[in-house]
Amino acid sequence: MPALGKTRSWQSFEGWCHERGLNPAPAHPWTLAAYIRVLEGTMRYDALKRHVDQIGQMHFEMRRTRPDREPSVQRVLDAVRRREEAKKRSKQKPPAPPPLFRAEDFLEEKTAKKPRTRRAKAAETVADKKKSKSLRATPKLVRRKRV
C-alpha cells in the first residue's frame, strides 16, 4: 500500500508541474515549496508532510537530489505546521483573563478634608511653579561657541 501512496503523490506532483511548465525531476526546491503552499488549504500538516516525503523518496529512487531536504522547503513546512497549530489554538476558547483593576482601586473613602494653611498653599504653588519651568512649550535657545 505505501507504494500506491508514493505513486499517487508523485503523479499529482508531476501533473501539477506539467500544468505550469515546470520540471518535476529534478524539482527545484522553490517548485516543491510552491506546491506545498498550493496543497496547504486542502491537506492537514501530517498528510502534507507524508506527501512531500514520498516526492523526495521518488527523487531518491531516480538518483536525483531530494528537494524535500532543502532548508527553504523545511521552512515552508514549518510555517504550515505553525499556522495549523495557531488555528487549533484559536478554535479553543481561551480562559477568561483576570480583571485588570479591582473596584476598590477606584472607590475612594470619603475622609474629612484637612484644613489648609497658608504655608501649605504656598508650598504647593512653589512646587507648581517649578513644574511649569521644567515643561517648556518652545525649545530653549542655546548659544554656540565660536572657535
Protein backbone atom coordinates (compact mmCIF):
# COMPACT_ATOMS: atom_id res chain seq x y z
CA MET A 1 0.00 0.00 0.00
CA PRO A 2 2.82 2.52 0.64
CA ALA A 3 3.94 2.18 -2.97
CA LEU A 4 0.45 3.16 -4.13
CA GLY A 5 0.55 6.32 -2.00
CA LYS A 6 4.00 7.11 -3.31
CA THR A 7 2.91 6.84 -6.93
CA ARG A 8 -0.23 8.91 -6.28
CA SER A 9 1.82 11.62 -4.61
CA TRP A 10 4.31 11.58 -7.44
CA GLN A 11 1.64 11.60 -10.15
CA SER A 12 -0.20 14.54 -8.62
CA PHE A 13 3.08 16.48 -8.24
CA GLU A 14 4.12 15.59 -11.78
CA GLY A 15 0.76 16.68 -13.17
CA TRP A 16 0.91 19.95 -11.24
CA CYS A 17 4.40 20.64 -12.59
CA HIS A 18 3.43 19.88 -16.21
CA GLU A 19 0.40 22.21 -15.98
CA ARG A 20 2.74 25.04 -15.08
CA GLY A 21 5.59 24.12 -17.40
CA LEU A 22 7.94 23.14 -14.57
CA ASN A 23 10.37 20.25 -14.42
CA PRO A 24 9.23 17.61 -11.89
CA ALA A 25 12.53 15.70 -11.78
CA PRO A 26 14.84 17.05 -10.59
CA ALA A 27 12.48 19.52 -9.00
CA HIS A 28 13.80 22.83 -7.81
CA PRO A 29 13.18 23.40 -4.08
CA TRP A 30 11.15 26.50 -4.91
CA THR A 31 8.88 24.37 -7.08
CA LEU A 32 8.24 21.98 -4.21
CA ALA A 33 7.73 24.90 -1.80
CA ALA A 34 5.12 26.40 -4.15
CA TYR A 35 3.41 23.02 -4.42
CA ILE A 36 3.26 22.80 -0.62
CA ARG A 37 1.63 26.23 -0.44
CA VAL A 38 -0.97 25.14 -3.02
CA LEU A 39 -1.82 22.00 -1.05
CA GLU A 40 -1.80 23.76 2.31
CA GLY A 41 -5.52 24.53 2.23
CA THR A 42 -6.55 21.03 1.14
CA MET A 43 -4.43 18.79 3.41
CA ARG A 44 -3.58 18.63 7.06
CA TYR A 45 0.08 19.04 8.01
CA ASP A 46 0.68 15.32 8.68
CA ALA A 47 -0.69 14.27 5.30
CA LEU A 48 1.17 17.06 3.56
CA LYS A 49 4.44 16.04 5.24
CA ARG A 50 3.96 12.41 4.08
CA HIS A 51 3.15 13.65 0.58
CA VAL A 52 6.38 15.70 0.44
CA ASP A 53 8.44 12.82 1.87
CA GLN A 54 7.09 10.49 -0.84
CA ILE A 55 8.03 13.00 -3.53
CA GLY A 56 11.52 13.16 -2.03
CA GLN A 57 11.71 9.37 -2.00
CA MET A 58 10.82 9.24 -5.70
CA HIS A 59 13.68 11.67 -6.39
CA PHE A 60 16.00 9.43 -4.38
CA GLU A 61 14.91 6.36 -6.39
CA MET A 62 15.62 8.23 -9.63
CA ARG A 63 19.07 9.08 -8.26
CA ARG A 64 18.32 12.79 -8.03
CA THR A 65 18.88 15.18 -5.16
CA ARG A 66 15.99 15.29 -2.72
CA PRO A 67 14.35 18.74 -2.81
CA ASP A 68 12.43 17.99 0.38
CA ARG A 69 15.67 18.19 2.40
CA GLU A 70 16.41 21.78 1.37
CA PRO A 71 16.14 24.45 4.10
CA SER A 72 13.68 26.56 2.08
CA VAL A 73 11.26 23.63 1.80
CA GLN A 74 11.66 22.85 5.51
CA ARG A 75 10.88 26.50 6.39
CA VAL A 76 7.67 26.35 4.34
CA LEU A 77 6.66 23.10 6.07
CA ASP A 78 7.38 24.64 9.47
CA ALA A 79 5.25 27.66 8.58
CA VAL A 80 2.37 25.38 7.57
CA ARG A 81 2.69 23.50 10.87
CA ARG A 82 2.68 26.73 12.88
CA ARG A 83 -0.41 28.02 11.02
CA GLU A 84 -2.25 24.77 11.69
CA GLU A 85 -1.35 24.90 15.39
CA ALA A 86 -2.49 28.53 15.57
CA LYS A 87 -5.85 27.56 14.05
CA LYS A 88 -6.27 24.83 16.65
CA ARG A 89 -5.45 27.25 19.45
CA SER A 90 -7.85 29.88 18.13
CA LYS A 91 -10.70 27.36 17.98
CA GLN A 92 -10.25 26.55 21.66
CA LYS A 93 -11.96 29.01 23.96
CA PRO A 94 -9.28 30.91 25.84
CA PRO A 95 -9.63 31.20 29.59
CA ALA A 96 -11.14 34.43 30.87
CA PRO A 97 -8.41 36.92 31.71
CA PRO A 98 -8.21 38.20 35.26
CA PRO A 99 -9.66 41.67 35.80
CA LEU A 100 -7.24 44.50 35.22
CA PHE A 101 -8.45 46.60 38.11
CA ARG A 102 -10.30 45.99 41.32
CA ALA A 103 -13.32 48.10 42.22
CA GLU A 104 -11.59 49.12 45.46
CA ASP A 105 -8.91 50.89 43.43
CA PHE A 106 -11.43 53.44 42.18
CA LEU A 107 -13.71 53.84 45.14
CA GLU A 108 -12.37 56.45 47.50
CA GLU A 109 -13.37 56.59 51.08
CA LYS A 110 -14.77 59.96 52.00
CA THR A 111 -12.48 61.48 54.53
CA ALA A 112 -12.66 64.80 56.20
CA LYS A 113 -10.62 67.43 54.41
CA LYS A 114 -7.69 68.78 56.31
CA PRO A 115 -7.76 72.48 56.85
CA ARG A 116 -5.21 74.05 54.56
CA THR A 117 -2.81 76.59 55.93
CA ARG A 118 -1.18 79.46 54.13
CA ARG A 119 2.17 77.78 54.37
CA ALA A 120 0.85 74.57 52.72
CA LYS A 121 -0.76 76.61 49.93
CA ALA A 122 2.49 78.49 49.37
CA ALA A 123 4.46 75.25 49.19
CA GLU A 124 2.03 73.88 46.59
CA THR A 125 2.32 76.99 44.42
CA VAL A 126 6.13 76.86 44.57
CA ALA A 127 6.04 73.21 43.52
CA ASP A 128 3.64 74.08 40.67
CA LYS A 129 5.96 76.87 39.50
CA LYS A 130 8.93 74.52 39.49
CA LYS A 131 6.98 72.04 37.43
CA SER A 132 5.92 74.66 34.93
CA LYS A 133 9.52 75.79 34.42
CA SER A 134 10.61 72.30 33.50
CA LEU A 135 7.84 71.89 30.93
CA ARG A 136 8.58 74.30 28.11
CA ALA A 137 6.34 74.90 25.15
CA THR A 138 9.26 76.04 23.00
CA PRO A 139 12.81 74.72 22.89
CA LYS A 140 15.46 76.54 24.87
CA LEU A 141 17.85 78.56 22.72
CA VAL A 142 21.49 77.68 23.25
CA ARG A 143 24.47 79.79 22.24
CA ARG A 144 27.13 78.19 20.16
CA LYS A 145 30.70 79.00 20.94
CA ARG A 146 32.73 80.23 18.03
CA VAL A 147 36.11 78.66 17.66
